[in-house]
């Protein structure tokens, strides 16, 4: 009870404007008390200069009241100060930078607890009280404190915007409705909000359902990724075991051949040495017989002469190449094994190449396909499908290179192989530059040399990821090819791009593979860049200038190492010094 009395004293002797203990208290004719400076500042700030009102009861005065200090209140306030009682609110009651401040408070403002959409003002607990007591103010719409009340004011008419124009999809005031929005489809802001809330609720439910569906999809995809990891790990482990067994088998066969050859070698050498010893003995006996001067002794040993002659005539010397048949047989096994690996390796790559999935919309089924097909789509109204990813896409995919600096990270030093060059080609710049000549060059005969068409291969084989550039002048094709391409014959047999062993980009904006011509669009350039990702089966040709412009890209499966190639598309009767150089990039 005592505490309640103290609280009453604090409220009684506090200014309702600054909420502090009264300083130089004055009393208006309506009986309310204020600090003299607070009430003067309040009336000085009122817009109307012909009437003044009480901040608490709103009673108006035609003339500005003359304020005199209330000495009794001043004395009581001084007594309260002596007791140590203060009416100052706690610090947490004052408005901070992030808080909405009371629009009525002067000096240090208190936090607002409500904002009025009719008055477009925010009020603290004390200044909000009239909205609960005054009948006219009770009809006002109170909301949580907001700093954006002015956004509800029409910038043209300075009126509250309570109407929503559906035609223009914006809030307007009643004056806007009478002018530029006249005849438009309009409703009250409250009605529009109600309708949108209903739609939002429906959308929210749909979004929530979609989130749940996608979470299920993510879980299924995670399971699929784990299954792929397990399958891939098992495939690697099993293949390593198989290759280990194959290596052991080859090592055993190698050991067997070695043991067999050595055993045969020992047997043959032993037989030869035995015959050698017999012959040496016979030679010794013959020498003794031929040098014997004793007639009796000679006649006594003479009968052994005939058997010696017969023994000599029965000896046959085997050729020194008696073990070449073994080498030939082993070589034949090697060639057959290489052929099998070459033919079956493509099947090995294609066996697990495609890994795809499709998820039913009811999310009860996750299906996975694998096979050699590049792109497979699942059809049906209850299924949404994605293009199937290849295992190479997953294992070998990399961000697409765009700048020349990115390509140069994979650059490889390449030189031309004179042993493959046509005799009309002259080399320079350390075998990096070739020029077609009228006079034949004095190259030695070589089985790798192109004999019909003016072509040449690189000395280095190309595997993995590599990039090179060719600076050319004239009608020259830039190519890549397998090494076993024919060196003689017609264009379809040995011409770059005219068979299934080579790919070529010529100077007339065409790409050739297997004698199929494909138009190429893009700016012409004397410098062509070639990017190869052997494992991923990617071959790309670029026009190199200030930027890299893709001319043509191939997606395939390479079964052998590749070699860079150049073909000079000129007639020997009209040579013009066409040349091409493998650029030095590092």
Protein backbone atom coordinates (compact mmCIF):
# COMPACT_ATOMS: atom_id res chain seq x y z
CA UNK A 1 0.00 0.00 0.00
CA UNK A 2 2.82 2.38 0.81
CA UNK A 3 4.42 1.72 -2.58
CA UNK A 4 1.10 2.47 -4.30
CA UNK A 5 0.93 5.83 -2.53
CA UNK A 6 4.43 6.71 -3.68
CA UNK A 7 3.54 5.80 -7.23
CA UNK A 8 0.46 8.06 -7.01
CA UNK A 9 2.63 10.93 -5.79
CA UNK A 10 5.05 10.43 -8.68
CA UNK A 11 2.29 10.49 -11.29
CA UNK A 12 0.56 13.45 -9.66
CA UNK A 13 3.64 15.67 -9.68
CA UNK A 14 4.94 14.62 -13.12
CA UNK A 15 4.61 16.61 -16.31
CA UNK A 16 2.55 14.69 -18.89
CA UNK A 17 4.69 16.16 -21.70
CA UNK A 18 8.25 15.43 -20.52
CA UNK A 19 7.16 12.77 -17.99
CA UNK A 20 9.64 14.14 -15.48
CA UNK A 21 9.01 15.85 -12.14
CA UNK A 22 7.47 19.27 -12.68
CA UNK A 23 9.89 22.14 -13.17
CA UNK A 24 8.39 25.59 -12.55
CA UNK A 25 4.91 24.00 -12.49
CA UNK A 26 1.97 25.88 -14.00
CA UNK A 27 -1.73 24.96 -14.01
CA UNK A 28 -4.12 25.53 -16.92
CA UNK A 29 -7.72 26.63 -16.38
CA UNK A 30 -8.83 23.02 -17.05
CA UNK A 31 -6.83 21.91 -14.00
CA UNK A 32 -3.85 20.09 -15.60
CA UNK A 33 -0.29 20.73 -14.55
CA UNK A 34 2.79 21.12 -16.79
CA UNK A 35 6.34 22.37 -16.72
CA UNK A 36 6.24 25.99 -17.82
CA UNK A 37 8.75 25.40 -20.66
CA UNK A 38 7.00 22.19 -21.78
CA UNK A 39 3.55 23.80 -22.22
CA UNK A 40 5.00 26.92 -23.83
CA UNK A 41 6.96 24.80 -26.31
CA UNK A 42 3.83 22.78 -27.02
CA UNK A 43 1.74 25.84 -27.80
CA UNK A 44 4.57 27.45 -29.78
CA UNK A 45 4.59 24.36 -32.01
CA UNK A 46 0.84 24.26 -32.70
CA UNK A 47 -0.13 25.07 -36.29
CA UNK A 48 -3.21 27.12 -35.43
CA UNK A 49 -2.36 30.44 -33.76
CA UNK A 50 -5.98 31.32 -32.96
CA UNK A 51 -6.77 28.51 -30.50
CA UNK A 52 -4.76 26.49 -28.02
CA UNK A 53 -5.56 23.14 -26.44
CA UNK A 54 -4.66 21.14 -23.38
CA UNK A 55 -2.45 18.17 -24.33
CA UNK A 56 -4.36 15.92 -21.91
CA UNK A 57 -8.05 16.75 -22.20
CA UNK A 58 -7.94 18.61 -25.54
CA UNK A 59 -9.93 21.57 -24.11
CA UNK A 60 -9.36 24.57 -26.34
CA UNK A 61 -8.73 28.19 -25.39
CA UNK A 62 -9.53 31.02 -27.76
CA UNK A 63 -6.82 33.21 -26.33
CA UNK A 64 -3.46 31.90 -25.26
CA UNK A 65 -3.66 31.43 -21.47
CA UNK A 66 -1.41 33.49 -19.27
CA UNK A 67 0.65 31.02 -17.24
CA UNK A 68 1.73 31.72 -13.69
CA UNK A 69 3.92 29.54 -11.54
CA UNK A 70 2.00 27.33 -9.13
CA UNK A 71 4.00 27.93 -5.96
CA UNK A 72 2.21 25.22 -3.98
CA UNK A 73 3.08 22.55 -6.53
CA UNK A 74 6.60 23.87 -6.77
CA UNK A 75 7.02 23.47 -3.01
CA UNK A 76 5.59 19.95 -3.05
CA UNK A 77 7.89 18.96 -5.89
CA UNK A 78 10.87 20.25 -3.95
CA UNK A 79 9.79 18.14 -0.97
CA UNK A 80 9.56 15.07 -3.23
CA UNK A 81 13.07 15.71 -4.52
CA UNK A 82 14.36 15.83 -0.94
CA UNK A 83 12.89 12.35 -0.28
CA UNK A 84 14.88 11.02 -3.26
CA UNK A 85 11.80 9.95 -5.25
CA UNK A 86 12.03 10.62 -8.98
CA UNK A 87 9.45 10.18 -11.71
CA UNK A 88 12.02 9.62 -14.44
CA UNK A 89 11.27 6.43 -16.40
CA UNK A 90 13.84 3.67 -16.61
CA UNK A 91 16.36 3.91 -19.47
CA UNK A 92 14.83 0.93 -21.27
CA UNK A 93 11.57 2.93 -21.61
CA UNK A 94 13.20 5.56 -23.81
CA UNK A 95 13.29 5.14 -27.59
CA UNK A 96 16.56 4.05 -29.12
CA UNK A 97 17.79 4.34 -32.70
CA UNK A 98 15.96 1.17 -33.75
CA UNK A 99 12.77 1.94 -31.82
CA UNK A 100 9.65 3.84 -32.84
CA UNK A 101 9.47 7.01 -30.72
CA UNK A 102 6.33 8.61 -29.34
CA UNK A 103 5.32 11.56 -31.55
CA UNK A 104 3.82 13.50 -28.60
CA UNK A 105 6.73 13.34 -26.16
CA UNK A 106 9.03 16.35 -26.08
CA UNK A 107 12.66 16.27 -25.08
CA UNK A 108 13.82 12.70 -24.67
CA UNK A 109 11.08 10.58 -26.23
CA UNK A 110 9.67 7.34 -24.86
CA UNK A 111 9.12 4.20 -26.88
CA UNK A 112 5.83 4.04 -28.72
CA UNK A 113 3.65 1.04 -27.93
CA UNK A 114 1.07 1.64 -30.69
CA UNK A 115 0.68 3.50 -33.95
CA UNK A 116 -2.66 4.93 -35.09
CA UNK A 117 -3.54 4.50 -38.77
CA UNK A 118 -6.10 7.34 -38.50
CA UNK A 119 -3.97 9.91 -36.69
CA UNK A 120 -0.80 8.62 -38.44
CA UNK A 121 1.06 9.07 -35.15
CA UNK A 122 2.77 6.75 -32.67
CA UNK A 123 2.12 6.94 -28.93
CA UNK A 124 3.78 5.83 -25.74
CA UNK A 125 1.72 4.22 -22.99
CA UNK A 126 0.68 7.52 -21.36
CA UNK A 127 -0.08 9.46 -24.55
CA UNK A 128 -2.03 6.54 -25.96
CA UNK A 129 -4.53 6.64 -23.09
CA UNK A 130 -6.98 9.07 -24.83
CA UNK A 131 -7.48 6.45 -27.58
CA UNK A 132 -8.89 4.18 -24.90
CA UNK A 133 -10.93 6.86 -23.09
CA UNK A 134 -12.25 9.30 -25.73
CA UNK A 135 -15.22 7.79 -27.70
CA UNK A 136 -14.17 9.38 -31.02
CA UNK A 137 -10.62 8.06 -30.65
CA UNK A 138 -11.76 4.56 -29.74
CA UNK A 139 -12.81 4.05 -33.39
CA UNK A 140 -9.28 4.58 -34.63
CA UNK A 141 -7.26 1.61 -35.90
CA UNK A 142 -4.28 0.88 -33.62
CA UNK A 143 -1.39 -1.28 -34.88
CA UNK A 144 2.06 -2.26 -33.70
CA UNK A 145 4.53 0.67 -33.71
CA UNK A 146 5.65 1.48 -37.25
CA UNK A 147 8.14 3.93 -38.74
CA UNK A 148 6.44 3.74 -42.13
CA UNK A 149 3.20 5.53 -41.34
CA UNK A 150 4.02 8.29 -43.81
CA UNK A 151 3.97 5.73 -46.60
CA UNK A 152 0.21 5.62 -46.09
CA UNK A 153 -0.06 9.32 -47.00
CA UNK A 154 -0.78 10.27 -50.62
CA UNK A 155 2.16 12.33 -51.90
CA UNK A 156 -0.16 14.42 -54.11
CA UNK A 157 -3.10 15.13 -51.80
CA UNK A 158 -1.60 14.59 -48.32
CA UNK A 159 -4.49 12.28 -47.46
CA UNK A 160 -4.52 8.78 -45.98
CA UNK A 161 -4.55 6.11 -48.69
CA UNK A 162 -7.38 3.74 -47.71
CA UNK A 163 -8.36 2.57 -51.19
CA UNK A 164 -6.62 0.02 -53.47
CA UNK A 165 -6.87 0.43 -57.24
CA UNK A 166 -6.82 -3.04 -58.82
CA UNK A 167 -6.55 -1.54 -62.28
CA UNK A 168 -3.22 0.15 -61.50
CA UNK A 169 -2.27 -2.14 -58.59
CA UNK A 170 -1.56 0.66 -56.12
CA UNK A 171 -2.88 2.36 -52.97
CA UNK A 172 -4.73 5.66 -53.47
CA UNK A 173 -6.61 8.20 -51.42
CA UNK A 174 -10.27 9.22 -51.90
CA UNK A 175 -9.21 12.31 -53.90
CA UNK A 176 -7.22 10.11 -56.31
CA UNK A 177 -10.39 8.04 -56.74
CA UNK A 178 -12.27 11.14 -57.87
CA UNK A 179 -9.57 12.20 -60.33
CA UNK A 180 -7.05 10.05 -62.27
CA UNK A 181 -8.43 6.74 -60.96
CA UNK A 182 -12.04 7.54 -61.70
CA UNK A 183 -13.84 4.53 -63.17
CA UNK A 184 -11.11 2.08 -62.16
CA UNK A 185 -11.73 -1.19 -60.33
CA UNK A 186 -11.22 -0.19 -56.69
CA UNK A 187 -11.84 -1.74 -53.27
CA UNK A 188 -10.94 -0.80 -49.76
CA UNK A 189 -7.39 -1.55 -48.68
CA UNK A 190 -8.75 -3.83 -45.96
CA UNK A 191 -10.78 -5.87 -48.49
CA UNK A 192 -7.81 -6.24 -50.83
CA UNK A 193 -5.61 -7.33 -47.95
CA UNK A 194 -8.14 -9.98 -46.89
CA UNK A 195 -8.32 -11.39 -50.40
CA UNK A 196 -4.55 -11.42 -50.83
CA UNK A 197 -4.08 -13.08 -47.48
CA UNK A 198 -6.35 -15.89 -48.66
CA UNK A 199 -4.29 -16.29 -51.83
CA UNK A 200 -1.06 -16.06 -49.84
CA UNK A 201 -2.25 -18.78 -47.52
CA UNK A 202 -2.95 -21.01 -50.51
CA UNK A 203 0.45 -20.17 -52.02
CA UNK A 204 2.11 -20.76 -48.69
CA UNK A 205 0.62 -24.24 -48.52
CA UNK A 206 1.77 -24.93 -52.09
CA UNK A 207 5.26 -23.65 -51.32
CA UNK A 208 5.43 -25.74 -48.17
CA UNK A 209 4.36 -28.82 -50.13
CA UNK A 210 6.93 -28.08 -52.81
CA UNK A 211 9.62 -27.68 -50.16
CA UNK A 212 8.70 -31.07 -48.71
CA UNK A 213 8.72 -32.63 -52.18
CA UNK A 214 12.09 -31.14 -53.00
CA UNK A 215 13.50 -32.34 -49.67
CA UNK A 216 12.39 -35.84 -50.63
CA UNK A 217 14.03 -35.39 -54.02
CA UNK A 218 17.27 -34.28 -52.38
CA UNK A 219 17.19 -37.31 -50.10
CA UNK A 220 16.59 -39.65 -53.04
CA UNK A 221 19.38 -37.98 -55.02
CA UNK A 222 21.69 -38.33 -52.04
CA UNK A 223 20.85 -42.02 -51.86
CA UNK A 224 21.48 -42.32 -55.59
CA UNK A 225 24.84 -40.54 -55.23
CA UNK A 226 25.80 -42.93 -52.42
CA UNK A 227 24.74 -45.88 -54.58
CA UNK A 228 26.84 -44.58 -57.49
CA UNK A 229 29.82 -44.14 -55.15
CA UNK A 230 29.49 -47.68 -53.84
CA UNK A 231 29.05 -49.08 -57.36
CA UNK A 232 32.03 -47.12 -58.69
CA UNK A 233 34.22 -48.14 -55.73
CA UNK A 234 33.30 -51.79 -56.25
CA UNK A 235 33.95 -51.52 -60.02
CA UNK A 236 37.39 -50.00 -59.37
CA UNK A 237 38.21 -52.64 -56.76
CA UNK A 238 37.04 -55.52 -58.95
CA UNK A 239 38.76 -54.19 -62.07
CA UNK A 240 42.02 -53.77 -60.14
CA UNK A 241 41.76 -57.40 -59.02
CA UNK A 242 41.08 -58.54 -62.59
CA UNK A 243 43.96 -56.52 -63.99
CA UNK A 244 46.20 -57.85 -61.21
CA UNK A 245 45.20 -61.40 -62.16
CA UNK A 246 45.82 -60.59 -65.82
CA UNK A 247 49.26 -59.17 -65.00
CA UNK A 248 50.07 -62.26 -62.92
CA UNK A 249 48.94 -64.48 -65.78
CA UNK A 250 51.15 -62.60 -68.21
CA UNK A 251 54.06 -62.77 -65.77
CA UNK A 252 53.52 -66.54 -65.41
CA UNK A 253 53.37 -66.98 -69.17
CA UNK A 254 56.53 -64.90 -69.47
CA UNK A 255 58.22 -67.06 -66.86
CA UNK A 256 57.04 -70.26 -68.62
CA UNK A 257 58.40 -69.05 -71.96
CA UNK A 258 61.67 -68.03 -70.35
CA UNK A 259 61.98 -71.39 -68.58
CA UNK A 260 61.11 -73.29 -71.75
CA UNK A 261 63.63 -71.35 -73.83
CA UNK A 262 66.35 -71.77 -71.23
CA UNK A 263 65.63 -75.50 -70.93
CA UNK A 264 65.72 -75.92 -74.69
CA UNK A 265 68.83 -73.78 -74.79
CA UNK A 266 70.54 -76.03 -72.21
CA UNK A 267 69.51 -79.19 -74.05
CA UNK A 268 70.67 -77.90 -77.42
CA UNK A 269 73.95 -76.58 -76.05
CA UNK A 270 74.58 -79.91 -74.29
CA UNK A 271 73.89 -81.81 -77.50
CA UNK A 272 76.18 -79.52 -79.48
CA UNK A 273 78.98 -79.81 -76.91
CA UNK A 274 78.67 -83.61 -76.93
CA UNK A 275 79.03 -83.70 -80.68
CA UNK A 276 81.82 -81.14 -80.43
CA UNK A 277 83.74 -83.40 -78.05
CA UNK A 278 83.28 -86.42 -80.33
CA UNK A 279 84.50 -84.47 -83.30
CA UNK A 280 87.50 -83.15 -81.38
CA UNK A 281 88.34 -86.73 -80.37
CA UNK A 282 88.05 -87.90 -83.93
CA UNK A 283 90.24 -85.03 -85.09
CA UNK A 284 92.86 -86.04 -82.55
CA UNK A 285 92.78 -89.65 -83.71
CA UNK A 286 92.97 -88.64 -87.33
CA UNK A 287 95.92 -86.40 -86.64
CA UNK A 288 97.69 -89.25 -84.83
CA UNK A 289 96.92 -91.60 -87.67
CA UNK A 290 98.13 -89.19 -90.32
CA UNK A 291 101.40 -88.60 -88.49
CA UNK A 292 102.18 -92.27 -87.67
CA UNK A 293 105.39 -93.47 -89.40
CA UNK A 294 105.15 -97.01 -88.09
CA UNK A 295 103.57 -99.05 -90.89
CA UNK A 296 102.35 -101.70 -88.56
CA UNK A 297 100.68 -99.18 -86.27
CA UNK A 298 99.02 -97.37 -89.21
CA UNK A 299 97.57 -100.59 -90.58
CA UNK A 300 96.44 -101.58 -87.12
CA UNK A 301 94.41 -98.28 -86.69
CA UNK A 302 93.22 -97.91 -90.27
CA UNK A 303 89.92 -99.82 -89.82
CA UNK A 304 88.60 -96.92 -87.64
CA UNK A 305 88.85 -94.43 -90.54
CA UNK A 306 85.58 -95.40 -92.27
CA UNK A 307 83.32 -95.01 -89.20
CA UNK A 308 84.76 -91.58 -88.63
CA UNK A 309 83.82 -90.49 -92.10
CA UNK A 310 80.29 -91.74 -91.68
CA UNK A 311 79.94 -89.96 -88.34
CA UNK A 312 81.04 -86.67 -89.85
CA UNK A 313 78.53 -86.77 -92.70
CA UNK A 314 75.58 -87.28 -90.29
CA UNK A 315 76.02 -83.95 -88.40
CA UNK A 316 73.56 -81.12 -89.36
CA UNK A 317 74.15 -77.56 -88.06
CA UNK A 318 70.87 -75.84 -87.09
CA UNK A 319 70.44 -72.15 -88.04
CA UNK A 320 71.25 -69.51 -85.40
CA UNK A 321 67.67 -68.23 -85.59
CA UNK A 322 66.26 -71.39 -84.07
CA UNK A 323 64.48 -69.38 -81.30
CA UNK A 324 63.02 -66.68 -83.56
CA UNK A 325 59.84 -68.72 -83.85
CA UNK A 326 59.33 -68.21 -80.12
CA UNK A 327 59.74 -64.46 -80.49
CA UNK A 328 57.33 -64.43 -83.41
CA UNK A 329 54.79 -66.45 -81.46
CA UNK A 330 55.02 -64.10 -78.46
CA UNK A 331 54.73 -61.09 -80.78
CA UNK A 332 51.62 -62.61 -82.32
CA UNK A 333 50.12 -63.07 -78.86
CA UNK A 334 50.94 -59.44 -78.04
CA UNK A 335 49.33 -58.18 -81.25
CA UNK A 336 46.20 -60.24 -80.67
CA UNK A 337 45.99 -59.03 -77.10
CA UNK A 338 46.34 -55.43 -78.24
CA UNK A 339 43.61 -55.95 -80.82
CA UNK A 340 41.30 -57.44 -78.19
CA UNK A 341 41.99 -54.60 -75.76
CA UNK A 342 41.48 -52.00 -78.48
CA UNK A 343 38.20 -53.53 -79.63
CA UNK A 344 36.85 -54.26 -76.17
CA UNK A 345 38.06 -51.07 -74.52
CA UNK A 346 35.29 -49.08 -76.17
CA UNK A 347 32.77 -51.51 -74.71
CA UNK A 348 34.39 -51.11 -71.30
CA UNK A 349 33.97 -47.33 -71.54
CA UNK A 350 30.39 -47.58 -72.78
CA UNK A 351 29.29 -50.19 -70.25
CA UNK A 352 28.98 -47.69 -67.42
CA UNK A 353 28.94 -44.55 -69.50
CA UNK A 354 25.35 -43.44 -68.98
CA UNK A 355 23.89 -42.93 -65.55
CA UNK A 356 20.46 -41.30 -65.49
CA UNK A 357 17.53 -40.90 -63.20
CA UNK A 358 13.92 -39.81 -63.20
CA UNK A 359 11.79 -39.17 -60.17
CA UNK A 360 8.02 -39.58 -60.12
CA UNK A 361 6.05 -36.61 -58.95
CA UNK A 362 4.59 -38.68 -56.14
CA UNK A 363 8.23 -39.20 -55.04
CA UNK A 364 7.66 -42.87 -54.36
CA UNK A 365 9.95 -44.14 -57.06
CA UNK A 366 13.52 -43.39 -58.08
CA UNK A 367 14.64 -45.09 -61.27
CA UNK A 368 18.09 -45.32 -62.74
CA UNK A 369 19.17 -46.31 -66.22
CA UNK A 370 22.59 -46.94 -67.65
CA UNK A 371 23.64 -47.73 -71.18
CA UNK A 372 25.38 -46.26 -74.21
CA UNK A 373 22.64 -43.79 -75.11
CA UNK A 374 23.80 -40.19 -74.78
CA UNK A 375 20.44 -38.59 -73.97
CA UNK A 376 17.39 -40.44 -72.66
CA UNK A 377 14.17 -38.84 -71.51
CA UNK A 378 11.37 -40.41 -69.51
CA UNK A 379 7.92 -39.72 -70.93
CA UNK A 380 4.60 -39.74 -69.10
CA UNK A 381 2.25 -37.34 -67.34
CA UNK A 382 3.23 -38.49 -63.85
CA UNK A 383 6.98 -38.20 -64.31
CA UNK A 384 9.29 -35.25 -64.67
CA UNK A 385 12.53 -36.24 -66.33
CA UNK A 386 16.05 -34.94 -66.75
CA UNK A 387 18.63 -35.67 -69.47
CA UNK A 388 20.70 -38.57 -68.27
CA UNK A 389 24.20 -37.74 -67.11
CA UNK A 390 27.07 -39.79 -68.40
CA UNK A 391 29.62 -41.27 -66.04
CA UNK A 392 32.26 -39.39 -68.01
CA UNK A 393 30.27 -36.20 -67.40
CA UNK A 394 30.38 -36.90 -63.68
CA UNK A 395 34.00 -38.03 -63.49
CA UNK A 396 35.60 -35.92 -66.18
CA UNK A 397 33.47 -32.78 -66.33
CA UNK A 398 35.24 -29.48 -65.85
CA UNK A 399 34.17 -25.84 -66.15
CA UNK A 400 34.14 -24.71 -69.76
CA UNK A 401 37.31 -22.83 -70.65
CA UNK A 402 36.66 -19.35 -72.01
CA UNK A 403 39.79 -17.21 -71.91
CA UNK A 404 43.05 -17.91 -73.70
CA UNK A 405 44.86 -17.82 -70.36
CA UNK A 406 42.73 -20.74 -69.19
CA UNK A 407 43.56 -22.72 -72.34
CA UNK A 408 47.27 -21.99 -72.01
CA UNK A 409 47.32 -23.84 -68.69
CA UNK A 410 46.90 -27.04 -70.74
CA UNK A 411 49.36 -26.03 -73.50
CA UNK A 412 51.75 -28.68 -74.79
CA UNK A 413 54.96 -28.26 -76.76
CA UNK A 414 54.56 -30.03 -80.12
CA UNK A 415 57.01 -30.52 -83.01
CA UNK A 416 56.59 -32.00 -86.47
CA UNK A 417 57.93 -35.45 -87.33
CA UNK A 418 60.08 -35.32 -90.53
CA UNK A 419 59.73 -39.12 -90.89
CA UNK A 420 56.00 -38.64 -91.63
CA UNK A 421 56.32 -35.60 -93.92
CA UNK A 422 55.59 -35.60 -97.64
CA UNK A 423 58.74 -34.87 -99.64
CA UNK A 424 57.37 -31.49 -100.83
CA UNK A 425 57.46 -30.12 -97.25
CA UNK A 426 60.43 -28.16 -95.90
CA UNK A 427 60.98 -27.81 -92.14
CA UNK A 428 62.34 -24.92 -90.08
CA UNK A 429 62.07 -23.32 -86.62
CA UNK A 430 63.21 -26.50 -84.91
CA UNK A 431 60.77 -28.70 -86.85
CA UNK A 432 57.79 -26.59 -85.75
CA UNK A 433 57.23 -24.89 -89.14
CA UNK A 434 56.47 -26.59 -92.48
CA UNK A 435 56.44 -24.89 -95.90
CA UNK A 436 55.26 -26.53 -99.10
CA UNK A 437 57.93 -26.39 -101.82
CA UNK A 438 58.05 -27.03 -105.56
CA UNK A 439 61.29 -28.98 -105.27
CA UNK A 440 61.27 -32.33 -103.47
CA UNK A 441 63.36 -32.63 -100.33
CA UNK A 442 65.98 -35.33 -99.93
CA UNK A 443 64.29 -37.31 -97.19
CA UNK A 444 65.24 -40.92 -96.63
CA UNK A 445 62.66 -43.62 -97.21
CA UNK A 446 60.49 -44.32 -94.17
CA UNK A 447 57.34 -46.45 -93.71
CA UNK A 448 55.57 -43.58 -91.84
CA UNK A 449 56.00 -41.05 -94.68
CA UNK A 450 52.94 -39.71 -96.55
CA UNK A 451 53.63 -40.42 -100.22
CA UNK A 452 50.58 -38.97 -102.01
CA UNK A 453 49.20 -35.98 -100.13
CA UNK A 454 51.26 -33.13 -98.61
CA UNK A 455 50.66 -34.01 -94.97
CA UNK A 456 52.69 -34.33 -91.78
CA UNK A 457 52.13 -35.56 -88.21
CA UNK A 458 53.46 -34.37 -84.89
CA UNK A 459 56.28 -36.28 -83.23
CA UNK A 460 54.48 -36.26 -79.87
CA UNK A 461 51.36 -38.31 -79.11
CA UNK A 462 48.47 -36.50 -77.44
CA UNK A 463 46.57 -37.87 -74.45
CA UNK A 464 44.90 -36.31 -71.44
CA UNK A 465 44.11 -32.58 -71.70
CA UNK A 466 46.28 -30.55 -74.06
CA UNK A 467 46.08 -27.35 -76.09
CA UNK A 468 48.12 -26.06 -79.04
CA UNK A 469 47.92 -23.31 -81.66
CA UNK A 470 48.74 -23.25 -85.36
CA UNK A 471 49.72 -20.05 -87.20
CA UNK A 472 49.03 -20.66 -90.90
CA UNK A 473 49.28 -18.88 -94.23
CA UNK A 474 47.36 -20.29 -97.15
CA UNK A 475 44.88 -23.12 -97.62
CA UNK A 476 45.89 -25.45 -94.80
CA UNK A 477 43.83 -27.96 -92.78
CA UNK A 478 44.48 -28.32 -89.04
CA UNK A 479 43.84 -31.90 -87.95
CA UNK A 480 44.20 -34.62 -85.34
CA UNK A 481 44.50 -38.28 -86.27
CA UNK A 482 45.32 -41.77 -85.10
CA UNK A 483 48.83 -42.86 -86.03
CA UNK A 484 47.63 -45.89 -87.99
CA UNK A 485 46.07 -43.75 -90.72
CA UNK A 486 47.16 -44.90 -94.21
CA UNK A 487 50.24 -43.24 -95.67
CA UNK A 488 49.34 -43.89 -99.31
CA UNK A 489 46.23 -44.29 -101.44
CA UNK A 490 43.23 -42.11 -102.27
CA UNK A 491 41.95 -39.13 -100.30
CA UNK A 492 39.43 -41.25 -98.36
CA UNK A 493 42.22 -43.56 -97.23
CA UNK A 494 44.88 -41.15 -96.04
CA UNK A 495 43.46 -37.60 -96.29
CA UNK A 496 42.87 -35.92 -92.93
CA UNK A 497 39.13 -35.74 -92.18
CA UNK A 498 38.14 -38.05 -95.04
CA UNK A 499 38.04 -41.24 -92.96
CA UNK A 500 37.09 -42.42 -89.47
CA UNK A 501 40.65 -42.10 -88.18
CA UNK A 502 41.07 -38.33 -88.42
CA UNK A 503 39.31 -34.99 -87.79
CA UNK A 504 40.18 -31.83 -89.73
CA UNK A 505 39.23 -28.15 -89.92
CA UNK A 506 40.10 -26.67 -93.32
CA UNK A 507 40.55 -23.05 -94.35
CA UNK A 508 37.24 -22.81 -96.25
CA UNK A 509 35.03 -22.87 -93.15
CA UNK A 510 34.31 -26.59 -93.20
CA UNK A 511 34.93 -29.39 -90.74
CA UNK A 512 35.53 -32.92 -92.01
CA UNK A 513 35.19 -36.31 -90.34
CA UNK A 514 34.71 -39.64 -92.10
CA UNK A 515 34.37 -37.70 -95.39
CA UNK A 516 31.32 -35.82 -94.06
CA UNK A 517 31.52 -32.05 -94.49
CA UNK A 518 30.02 -29.78 -91.80
CA UNK A 519 29.78 -26.00 -92.28
CA UNK A 520 31.56 -23.93 -89.63
CA UNK A 521 30.40 -20.45 -88.66
CA UNK A 522 32.77 -18.02 -87.05
CA UNK A 523 35.33 -15.33 -87.81
CA UNK A 524 38.28 -16.34 -89.92
CA UNK A 525 41.70 -16.16 -88.30
CA UNK A 526 45.25 -17.00 -89.30
CA UNK A 527 45.71 -18.63 -85.89
CA UNK A 528 43.70 -21.70 -84.90
CA UNK A 529 43.64 -23.10 -81.38
CA UNK A 530 42.97 -26.80 -80.75
CA UNK A 531 41.84 -28.15 -77.36
CA UNK A 532 41.77 -31.89 -76.67
CA UNK A 533 40.40 -33.72 -73.64
CA UNK A 534 41.20 -37.28 -74.65
CA UNK A 535 39.55 -39.02 -71.69
CA UNK A 536 36.32 -37.01 -72.01
CA UNK A 537 36.28 -37.41 -75.80
CA UNK A 538 36.23 -33.64 -76.43
CA UNK A 539 37.94 -32.02 -79.42
CA UNK A 540 37.43 -28.26 -80.01
CA UNK A 541 38.73 -25.84 -82.64
CA UNK A 542 38.92 -22.10 -81.90
CA UNK A 543 39.61 -18.93 -83.82
CA UNK A 544 42.31 -17.16 -81.79
CA UNK A 545 42.42 -13.37 -81.74
CA UNK A 546 41.76 -11.04 -78.83
CA UNK A 547 39.07 -13.51 -77.80
CA UNK A 548 38.58 -17.25 -78.18
CA UNK A 549 35.74 -18.03 -80.61
CA UNK A 550 34.56 -21.64 -80.81
CA UNK A 551 34.45 -22.85 -84.44
CA UNK A 552 33.56 -26.52 -83.96
CA UNK A 553 33.40 -29.07 -81.17
CA UNK A 554 33.40 -32.87 -81.32
CA UNK A 555 32.10 -35.19 -78.58
CA UNK A 556 33.15 -38.80 -79.19
CA UNK A 557 35.20 -41.66 -77.72
CA UNK A 558 38.89 -41.81 -78.61
CA UNK A 559 40.28 -45.35 -78.63
CA UNK A 560 43.94 -44.56 -79.39
CA UNK A 561 46.45 -41.79 -78.71
CA UNK A 562 46.09 -38.88 -81.13
CA UNK A 563 48.63 -36.90 -83.15
CA UNK A 564 48.43 -33.34 -84.45
CA UNK A 565 48.40 -33.08 -88.23
CA UNK A 566 48.74 -30.50 -91.04
CA UNK A 567 47.53 -30.90 -94.61
CA UNK A 568 48.45 -28.43 -97.38
CA UNK A 569 45.53 -28.13 -99.80
CA UNK A 570 47.53 -26.95 -102.83
CA UNK A 571 48.22 -28.15 -106.35
CA UNK A 572 51.92 -28.81 -106.90
CA UNK A 573 51.69 -27.08 -110.28
CA UNK A 574 50.74 -23.80 -108.60
CA UNK A 575 52.69 -23.70 -105.34
CA UNK A 576 52.58 -20.38 -103.53
CA UNK A 577 54.69 -20.96 -100.42
CA UNK A 578 51.88 -21.90 -98.06
CA UNK A 579 53.23 -22.53 -94.56
CA UNK A 580 52.07 -23.44 -91.06
CA UNK A 581 53.81 -23.28 -87.69
CA UNK A 582 53.07 -24.96 -84.36
CA UNK A 583 53.26 -21.94 -82.08
CA UNK A 584 55.53 -21.78 -79.06
CA UNK A 585 53.17 -21.09 -76.15
CA UNK A 586 55.45 -21.34 -73.11
